[in-house]
Protein backbone atom coordinates (compact mmCIF):
# COMPACT_ATOMS: atom_id res chain seq x y z
CA MET A 1 105.34 51.42 1.79
CA GLY A 2 102.30 51.70 4.05
CA LYS A 3 99.55 49.16 4.41
CA GLN A 4 96.97 49.21 1.65
CA ARG A 5 93.75 50.29 3.29
CA ILE A 6 90.08 49.55 2.59
CA ILE A 7 88.15 52.82 2.17
CA ALA A 8 84.34 52.65 2.22
CA SER A 9 83.03 55.69 0.33
CA LEU A 10 79.49 56.94 -0.06
CA THR A 11 77.51 60.15 -0.46
CA SER A 12 74.07 61.48 0.40
CA TYR A 13 71.83 64.52 0.34
CA PRO A 14 69.27 66.12 2.69
CA PRO A 15 66.22 63.76 2.10
CA ARG A 16 68.36 60.77 3.22
CA MET A 17 69.86 62.24 6.37
CA ALA A 18 67.32 60.75 8.72
CA THR A 19 68.19 57.20 7.61
CA ILE A 20 71.73 57.17 6.35
CA HIS A 21 72.98 55.91 9.67
CA LEU A 22 71.39 52.54 8.84
CA ALA A 23 73.56 52.16 5.73
CA ILE A 24 76.68 53.24 7.56
CA ARG A 25 75.94 50.91 10.52
CA SER A 26 75.67 47.97 8.16
CA ILE A 27 79.10 48.88 6.74
CA LEU A 28 80.52 49.07 10.28
CA ALA A 29 78.94 45.64 11.04
CA GLN A 30 80.94 43.85 8.28
CA ARG A 31 82.83 40.73 9.15
CA MET A 32 85.80 42.34 7.39
CA LEU A 33 85.84 46.00 8.43
CA PRO A 34 86.97 48.93 6.33
CA ASP A 35 89.81 51.06 7.62
CA LYS A 36 87.78 54.20 7.03
CA VAL A 37 84.30 55.19 6.08
CA VAL A 38 84.13 58.48 4.17
CA LEU A 39 80.85 60.33 3.62
CA TRP A 40 81.10 63.00 0.86
CA LEU A 41 78.57 65.85 1.25
CA TYR A 42 78.01 68.89 -0.94
CA GLU A 43 78.39 71.99 1.21
CA GLY A 44 75.55 73.72 -0.67
CA ASP A 45 73.12 71.13 0.63
CA PHE A 46 74.05 71.83 4.27
CA PRO A 47 74.87 75.59 4.71
CA ASN A 48 75.64 75.03 8.44
CA ARG A 49 77.66 71.90 7.75
CA GLU A 50 77.67 69.53 10.76
CA LYS A 51 74.99 71.61 12.56
CA ASP A 52 72.54 70.55 9.79
CA LEU A 53 73.22 66.86 10.29
CA PRO A 54 71.15 64.59 12.61
CA ASP A 55 72.51 63.11 15.85
CA THR A 56 71.99 59.63 14.43
CA LEU A 57 74.71 60.36 11.93
CA MET A 58 76.96 62.53 14.10
CA HIS A 59 77.14 59.86 16.76
CA LEU A 60 78.90 57.67 14.20
CA VAL A 61 81.47 60.25 13.22
CA GLY A 62 84.92 59.69 14.69
CA HIS A 63 88.24 58.16 13.84
CA ASP A 64 86.83 55.55 11.48
CA VAL A 65 83.88 57.56 10.05
CA VAL A 66 84.65 60.93 8.56
CA ILE A 67 82.69 63.57 6.62
CA ARG A 68 84.34 65.31 3.69
CA TRP A 69 82.80 68.52 2.34
CA VAL A 70 83.02 69.25 -1.36
CA SER A 71 82.16 72.43 -3.27
CA GLU A 72 80.91 70.75 -6.44
CA ASN A 73 77.55 69.01 -6.56
CA LEU A 74 78.30 65.92 -8.59
CA LYS A 75 75.25 64.15 -7.19
CA PRO A 76 75.80 60.35 -7.13
CA HIS A 77 79.27 60.73 -8.56
CA LYS A 78 80.36 62.15 -5.26
CA LYS A 79 80.65 58.65 -3.86
CA TYR A 80 83.74 57.86 -6.01
CA TYR A 81 85.00 61.05 -7.64
CA TRP A 82 87.21 62.43 -4.91
CA ALA A 83 87.83 59.12 -3.11
CA LEU A 84 89.46 57.46 -6.13
CA GLN A 85 91.82 60.45 -6.42
CA GLU A 86 92.61 61.06 -2.74
CA PHE A 87 92.98 57.37 -1.82
CA SER A 88 94.69 56.37 -5.03
CA LYS A 89 96.98 53.83 -3.29
CA ASP A 90 94.12 52.16 -1.42
CA LEU A 91 91.15 49.89 -2.20
CA VAL A 92 88.05 52.06 -2.52
CA ILE A 93 84.64 50.37 -2.09
CA THR A 94 81.62 52.47 -3.03
CA PHE A 95 78.28 52.12 -1.25
CA ASP A 96 74.87 53.76 -1.52
CA ASP A 97 72.99 55.59 1.26
CA ASP A 98 69.69 53.75 0.65
CA LEU A 99 70.81 50.14 1.20
CA VAL A 100 71.54 47.94 4.18
CA TYR A 101 74.28 45.45 3.32
CA PRO A 102 74.87 41.81 4.15
CA ASN A 103 77.74 41.53 6.58
CA THR A 104 79.67 39.35 4.16
CA TYR A 105 79.98 41.86 1.34
CA ILE A 106 83.45 43.42 1.96
CA ALA A 107 84.93 39.93 2.55
CA GLU A 108 83.43 38.63 -0.69
CA LEU A 109 84.63 41.68 -2.62
CA MET A 110 88.11 41.25 -1.19
CA LYS A 111 88.21 37.55 -1.98
CA ALA A 112 87.31 38.20 -5.64
CA HIS A 113 89.79 41.09 -5.74
CA GLN A 114 92.65 38.79 -4.66
CA THR A 115 91.87 36.54 -7.62
CA HIS A 116 91.35 39.41 -10.07
CA PRO A 117 93.51 42.27 -8.78
CA LYS A 118 93.19 44.44 -11.93
CA ALA A 119 89.42 44.20 -12.29
CA VAL A 120 86.55 46.20 -10.82
CA VAL A 121 84.75 43.80 -8.39
CA ALA A 122 81.02 44.33 -7.75
CA ALA A 123 78.49 42.86 -5.35
CA ARG A 124 75.59 43.59 -7.72
CA THR A 125 75.88 43.24 -11.49
CA HIS A 126 73.65 43.14 -14.58
CA LEU A 127 74.38 41.27 -17.79
CA MET A 128 74.16 43.40 -20.89
CA MET A 129 72.18 41.81 -23.70
CA PHE A 130 72.47 42.19 -27.48
CA ASN A 131 70.21 42.13 -30.55
CA LYS A 132 70.87 39.73 -33.38
CA ASP A 133 72.75 42.45 -35.29
CA GLY A 134 75.17 42.91 -32.41
CA SER A 135 73.67 46.17 -31.14
CA LEU A 136 73.07 46.63 -27.45
CA LYS A 137 69.50 46.06 -26.18
CA PRO A 138 67.86 48.72 -23.99
CA TYR A 139 68.82 48.71 -20.31
CA ASP A 140 65.47 47.27 -19.23
CA GLN A 141 66.09 44.22 -21.41
CA TRP A 142 69.34 43.32 -19.69
CA ILE A 143 69.42 40.51 -17.15
CA TYR A 144 69.32 42.23 -13.84
CA GLU A 145 71.36 40.69 -11.02
CA ALA A 146 72.38 37.93 -13.42
CA PRO A 147 74.81 36.09 -11.07
CA ALA A 148 71.99 35.64 -8.56
CA ARG A 149 70.18 33.69 -11.28
CA TYR A 150 73.25 32.04 -12.68
CA PRO A 151 75.76 31.49 -9.86
CA ASP A 152 78.40 30.07 -12.15
CA MET A 153 78.97 33.70 -13.25
CA VAL A 154 80.44 34.56 -9.84
CA ASN A 155 84.18 35.29 -9.95
CA GLN A 156 84.13 35.33 -13.75
CA PRO A 157 85.53 38.60 -15.24
CA SER A 158 83.83 40.18 -18.28
CA MET A 159 83.46 43.49 -20.06
CA ARG A 160 79.83 42.53 -20.56
CA LEU A 161 78.92 42.88 -16.86
CA PHE A 162 77.51 46.22 -15.67
CA ALA A 163 78.30 47.03 -12.02
CA THR A 164 75.73 48.94 -9.99
CA SER A 165 78.36 50.89 -8.12
CA GLY A 166 76.42 51.78 -4.99
CA ALA A 167 75.64 48.22 -3.98
CA GLY A 168 79.22 47.55 -3.06
CA THR A 169 81.88 47.97 -5.74
CA LEU A 170 85.62 47.61 -5.21
CA PHE A 171 88.08 49.71 -7.21
CA PRO A 172 91.76 48.73 -7.09
CA PRO A 173 94.38 51.48 -6.80
CA ASN A 174 94.58 53.70 -9.89
CA VAL A 175 92.43 51.32 -11.89
CA MET A 176 90.17 53.93 -13.55
CA PRO A 177 91.50 55.98 -16.53
CA GLN A 178 92.06 59.66 -16.15
CA GLU A 179 89.06 60.43 -18.34
CA THR A 180 86.88 59.23 -15.40
CA PHE A 181 87.43 62.59 -13.67
CA ASN A 182 86.42 64.80 -16.57
CA MET A 183 83.91 66.93 -14.61
CA ASP A 184 82.65 68.83 -17.66
CA ALA A 185 81.86 65.57 -19.46
CA ILE A 186 80.06 64.18 -16.38
CA ARG A 187 77.91 67.32 -16.09
CA ALA A 188 77.15 67.31 -19.81
CA THR A 189 76.21 63.69 -20.16
CA ALA A 190 75.64 61.58 -17.02
CA LEU A 191 75.28 63.76 -13.93
CA ASN A 192 72.43 61.60 -12.57
CA ALA A 193 73.84 58.21 -13.63
CA ASP A 194 77.21 57.42 -12.14
CA ASP A 195 76.84 53.66 -12.95
CA VAL A 196 76.57 54.44 -16.68
CA TRP A 197 79.47 56.82 -16.58
CA LEU A 198 81.65 54.40 -14.69
CA LYS A 199 80.86 51.56 -17.04
CA VAL A 200 81.85 53.65 -20.05
CA MET A 201 85.07 54.60 -18.33
CA GLN A 202 85.78 50.97 -17.52
CA VAL A 203 85.44 50.23 -21.23
CA VAL A 204 87.76 53.11 -22.04
CA GLY A 205 90.32 51.53 -19.70
CA HIS A 206 89.60 47.96 -20.84
CA ILE A 207 88.75 47.04 -17.25
CA PRO A 208 86.51 43.97 -16.75
CA VAL A 209 83.92 43.60 -14.00
CA VAL A 210 83.92 40.59 -11.71
CA PRO A 211 80.74 39.57 -9.75
CA ALA A 212 81.73 38.80 -6.16
CA THR A 213 78.59 37.16 -4.92
CA ALA A 214 75.24 35.56 -5.89
CA ASN A 215 73.63 37.26 -2.89
CA GLN A 216 72.84 40.46 -4.73
CA VAL A 217 69.04 40.67 -5.18
CA ILE A 218 67.48 43.51 -3.22
CA ALA A 219 65.06 41.88 -0.88
CA ASN A 220 61.42 42.99 -1.12
CA ILE A 221 60.70 42.16 2.50
CA PRO A 222 60.78 44.10 5.76
CA LEU A 223 64.26 45.32 6.73
CA ALA A 224 64.42 43.32 9.98
CA GLU A 225 63.60 40.13 8.06
CA ALA A 226 66.19 40.94 5.38
CA GLN A 227 68.79 41.54 8.01
CA ALA A 228 67.97 38.27 9.75
CA GLN A 229 68.47 36.48 6.43
CA ASN A 230 71.64 38.56 5.69
CA ARG A 231 70.27 39.93 2.49
CA LEU A 232 70.64 43.19 0.61
CA ALA A 233 67.70 45.49 1.35
CA TYR A 234 66.53 49.04 0.88
CA VAL A 235 66.53 51.38 3.83
CA PRO A 236 62.79 52.07 4.51
CA ASN A 237 61.30 55.29 3.09
CA THR A 238 64.15 56.05 0.75
CA GLN A 239 62.80 55.18 -2.68
CA GLU A 240 60.23 57.95 -3.29
CA GLU A 241 62.90 60.13 -4.85
CA ALA A 242 65.29 57.44 -6.04
CA LEU A 243 67.15 58.02 -9.31
CA CYS A 244 66.36 54.51 -10.43
CA HIS A 245 62.76 55.51 -11.22
CA VAL A 246 64.01 57.84 -13.94
CA ASN A 247 67.17 56.09 -15.03
CA THR A 248 65.86 52.53 -15.20
CA GLU A 249 62.08 52.56 -15.31
CA ALA A 250 61.70 55.52 -17.62
CA GLY A 251 64.52 54.61 -20.02
CA GLY A 252 66.82 57.38 -18.79
CA ASN A 253 69.91 55.20 -18.75
CA ASP A 254 69.62 54.52 -22.49
CA VAL A 255 69.49 58.23 -23.26
CA ILE A 256 72.37 58.92 -20.89
CA LEU A 257 74.50 56.15 -22.38
CA ALA A 258 73.90 57.47 -25.90
CA ASP A 259 74.76 61.01 -24.83
CA THR A 260 77.92 59.82 -23.08
CA LEU A 261 79.10 57.78 -26.05
CA ALA A 262 78.49 60.77 -28.34
CA TYR A 263 80.44 63.21 -26.20
CA PRO A 264 83.58 64.03 -28.16
CA ALA A 265 86.13 63.35 -25.42
CA VAL A 266 84.50 60.03 -24.57
CA HIS A 267 84.03 59.02 -28.24
CA ASN A 268 87.72 59.65 -28.92
CA ALA A 269 88.88 57.77 -25.80
CA LEU A 270 86.82 54.63 -26.56
CA ARG A 271 88.51 53.96 -29.93
CA GLY A 272 85.82 51.53 -31.02
CA GLU A 273 82.11 50.69 -30.98
CA PHE A 274 80.89 50.37 -27.40
CA SER A 275 78.62 47.39 -28.14
CA ALA A 276 81.53 45.53 -29.76
CA LEU A 277 83.92 46.36 -26.90
CA VAL A 278 81.55 44.92 -24.29
CA ARG A 279 80.46 41.88 -26.27
CA ASP A 280 81.44 38.63 -24.56
CA ASP A 281 79.76 35.61 -26.17
CA THR A 282 81.37 33.26 -23.67
CA PHE A 283 78.80 34.41 -21.12
CA ASP A 284 76.00 33.00 -23.26
CA LYS A 285 76.80 29.54 -21.92
CA PHE A 286 75.60 30.67 -18.51
CA ILE A 287 72.14 31.73 -19.63
CA ARG A 288 71.15 28.94 -22.01
């Protein structure tokens, strides 16, 4: 049996090409390095393939950084969809193209994975919140980046935690259920919200999420200052078209979650009420 590798996986599209090298460089600057960085690009976005890509990116391409071309535009889902299937015996860590990462992230993810080898381990997580009747509160009423506020949550597995997959999320080999790769369901329900889709699939598979670090708040300071403090930060000039404006700020995630849960194949796979399946009252002790 070969060595289990660490595969860093991300995707992008034309508006981010001028700056994506910053995200990749921060992955390549990790104290614990990945064995391979794979960038998944939709061939329809780049008709001339590598000729359409900037030198700042192409200078990084080589043995450890590779570009994979795909014929289906699954938007943010491209960061995990093919990687989890192709590298099914390896550890896949998903990243976003609009963040610069602290150099401790892969090491922290790996440390938590060693303690919880069957869980999804995430660098940035939100805590889902509930109404008195047990129903799930809207996304914008969850506790964002909860372990940054309540560090005792770090390394504690729970179905109640929601991983933001692009900020650094580790998937053990073959951890996600086969329903995860239902392309028709993704297109019909959650094409612009991979985090929501992945969370529902984690619930289908009864897979808890473990927060790996308390250093997960996106720094609202200049990039150079954030890097000097080893903090998570946005790549400059990447948020004008960010999906979070629609999904989070405009309530889109709530609509997408409802649509996903109502989709027949997903509804049948869940075998229970989503809010009940993710409810974990033991986490209330952390936020009192």
